[in-house]
């Protein structure tokens, strides 16, 4: 994890998420990586649910990277350029780190 202070207004925040279904339990799980201006900041792995976008924004608030009022999506959208990308796989063992890295490269090329 790269040590970073508050993210400046107008910065480009990219969140790349992965979701998968755990068939035997019937639950959906997700993980995500956060990039600011195409620099990797941190990631969170394997949490229950499919709402990686909300988890990412809440996590950034808790870490002090963005102001608490940004938990509301309208405030987040006004303040930052953002891009959320998600890849869905059928099973956890189908998660491919190379695929995750490919998404990261595509996201940085869109900027």
Protein backbone atom coordinates (compact mmCIF):
# COMPACT_ATOMS: atom_id res chain seq x y z
CA UNK A 1 0.00 0.00 0.00
CA UNK A 2 1.32 3.39 -0.97
CA UNK A 3 1.15 6.00 1.77
CA UNK A 4 -0.92 8.92 0.57
CA UNK A 5 -2.61 11.90 2.21
CA UNK A 6 -5.98 13.34 1.29
CA UNK A 7 -6.83 12.93 -2.36
CA UNK A 8 -7.09 16.33 -4.05
CA UNK A 9 -10.29 17.56 -5.63
CA UNK A 10 -10.30 16.77 -9.35
CA UNK A 11 -8.01 13.74 -8.99
CA UNK A 12 -8.79 10.66 -11.03
CA UNK A 13 -9.91 7.76 -8.84
CA UNK A 14 -10.12 4.34 -10.50
CA UNK A 15 -11.62 1.38 -8.67
CA UNK A 16 -11.28 -2.05 -10.25
CA UNK A 17 -13.49 -4.67 -8.65
CA UNK A 18 -13.89 -8.42 -8.93
CA UNK A 19 -17.01 -10.34 -7.94
CA UNK A 20 -17.58 -14.08 -7.78
CA UNK A 21 -20.14 -16.58 -6.58
CA UNK A 22 -19.29 -19.18 -3.96
CA UNK A 23 -21.57 -21.95 -5.18
CA UNK A 24 -21.66 -24.19 -2.13
CA UNK A 25 -22.61 -21.32 0.18
CA UNK A 26 -24.58 -19.46 -2.48
CA UNK A 27 -22.96 -16.15 -1.55
CA UNK A 28 -21.44 -13.44 -3.71
CA UNK A 29 -18.05 -12.02 -2.73
CA UNK A 30 -15.97 -9.12 -3.99
CA UNK A 31 -12.58 -7.48 -3.80
CA UNK A 32 -11.21 -4.27 -5.28
CA UNK A 33 -8.12 -2.18 -5.97
CA UNK A 34 -7.98 1.61 -5.72
CA UNK A 35 -5.80 3.77 -7.99
CA UNK A 36 -5.38 7.55 -7.81
CA UNK A 37 -4.06 9.22 -10.95
CA UNK A 38 -3.08 5.72 -12.19
CA UNK A 39 -0.98 4.97 -9.08
CA UNK A 40 -1.97 1.92 -7.00
CA UNK A 41 -2.99 2.97 -3.48
CA UNK A 42 -4.47 -0.11 -1.76
CA UNK A 43 -6.74 -3.13 -2.15
CA UNK A 44 -9.25 -5.08 -0.08
CA UNK A 45 -9.83 -8.77 -0.62
CA UNK A 46 -12.74 -11.18 -0.44
CA UNK A 47 -15.65 -9.56 1.36
CA UNK A 48 -19.26 -10.75 1.29
CA UNK A 49 -21.61 -9.00 -1.17
CA UNK A 50 -21.38 -7.43 -4.59
CA UNK A 51 -21.29 -3.74 -3.66
CA UNK A 52 -17.57 -3.10 -4.20
CA UNK A 53 -18.27 0.50 -5.31
CA UNK A 54 -19.84 1.50 -1.99
CA UNK A 55 -17.18 -0.40 -0.02
CA UNK A 56 -14.42 1.40 -1.92
CA UNK A 57 -15.84 4.88 -1.25
CA UNK A 58 -16.59 4.08 2.41
CA UNK A 59 -13.10 2.62 2.81
CA UNK A 60 -11.48 5.74 1.34
CA UNK A 61 -13.47 7.87 3.83
CA UNK A 62 -12.45 5.69 6.79
CA UNK A 63 -8.79 5.89 5.73
CA UNK A 64 -9.04 9.70 5.56
CA UNK A 65 -8.31 9.82 1.84
CA UNK A 66 -11.54 11.64 0.94
CA UNK A 67 -13.91 13.77 3.05
CA UNK A 68 -16.78 12.03 4.84
CA UNK A 69 -19.39 13.92 2.84
CA UNK A 70 -18.22 11.97 -0.22
CA UNK A 71 -20.01 8.87 1.07
CA UNK A 72 -22.99 10.43 -0.73
CA UNK A 73 -22.51 9.60 -4.41
CA UNK A 74 -23.53 13.05 -5.64
CA UNK A 75 -20.72 14.64 -3.60
CA UNK A 76 -18.21 12.03 -4.78
CA UNK A 77 -19.13 12.53 -8.46
CA UNK A 78 -18.88 16.33 -8.20
CA UNK A 79 -15.51 16.26 -6.51
CA UNK A 80 -13.54 13.54 -8.36
CA UNK A 81 -13.18 12.09 -11.82
CA UNK A 82 -13.98 8.44 -11.27
CA UNK A 83 -14.05 5.19 -13.12
CA UNK A 84 -15.42 1.92 -11.75
CA UNK A 85 -14.62 -1.29 -13.61
CA UNK A 86 -15.80 -4.72 -12.53
CA UNK A 87 -15.03 -8.18 -13.78
CA UNK A 88 -17.39 -11.00 -12.81
CA UNK A 89 -16.35 -14.63 -12.71
CA UNK A 90 -18.40 -17.74 -11.99
CA UNK A 91 -16.09 -19.20 -9.35
CA UNK A 92 -13.37 -17.92 -7.06
CA UNK A 93 -10.81 -20.24 -8.67
CA UNK A 94 -11.54 -18.52 -12.01
CA UNK A 95 -10.06 -15.28 -10.69
CA UNK A 96 -7.00 -14.56 -12.73
CA UNK A 97 -4.43 -12.02 -11.57
CA UNK A 98 -3.37 -11.46 -15.17
CA UNK A 99 -6.94 -10.53 -16.09
CA UNK A 100 -7.01 -8.11 -13.15
CA UNK A 101 -3.76 -6.53 -14.34
CA UNK A 102 -5.12 -6.28 -17.89
CA UNK A 103 -8.12 -4.31 -16.60
CA UNK A 104 -5.73 -2.02 -14.74
CA UNK A 105 -3.80 -1.30 -17.95
CA UNK A 106 -7.02 -0.66 -19.91
CA UNK A 107 -8.23 1.74 -17.22
CA UNK A 108 -5.02 3.75 -17.35
CA UNK A 109 -5.22 3.93 -21.17
CA UNK A 110 -8.74 5.43 -20.97
CA UNK A 111 -7.34 8.46 -19.18
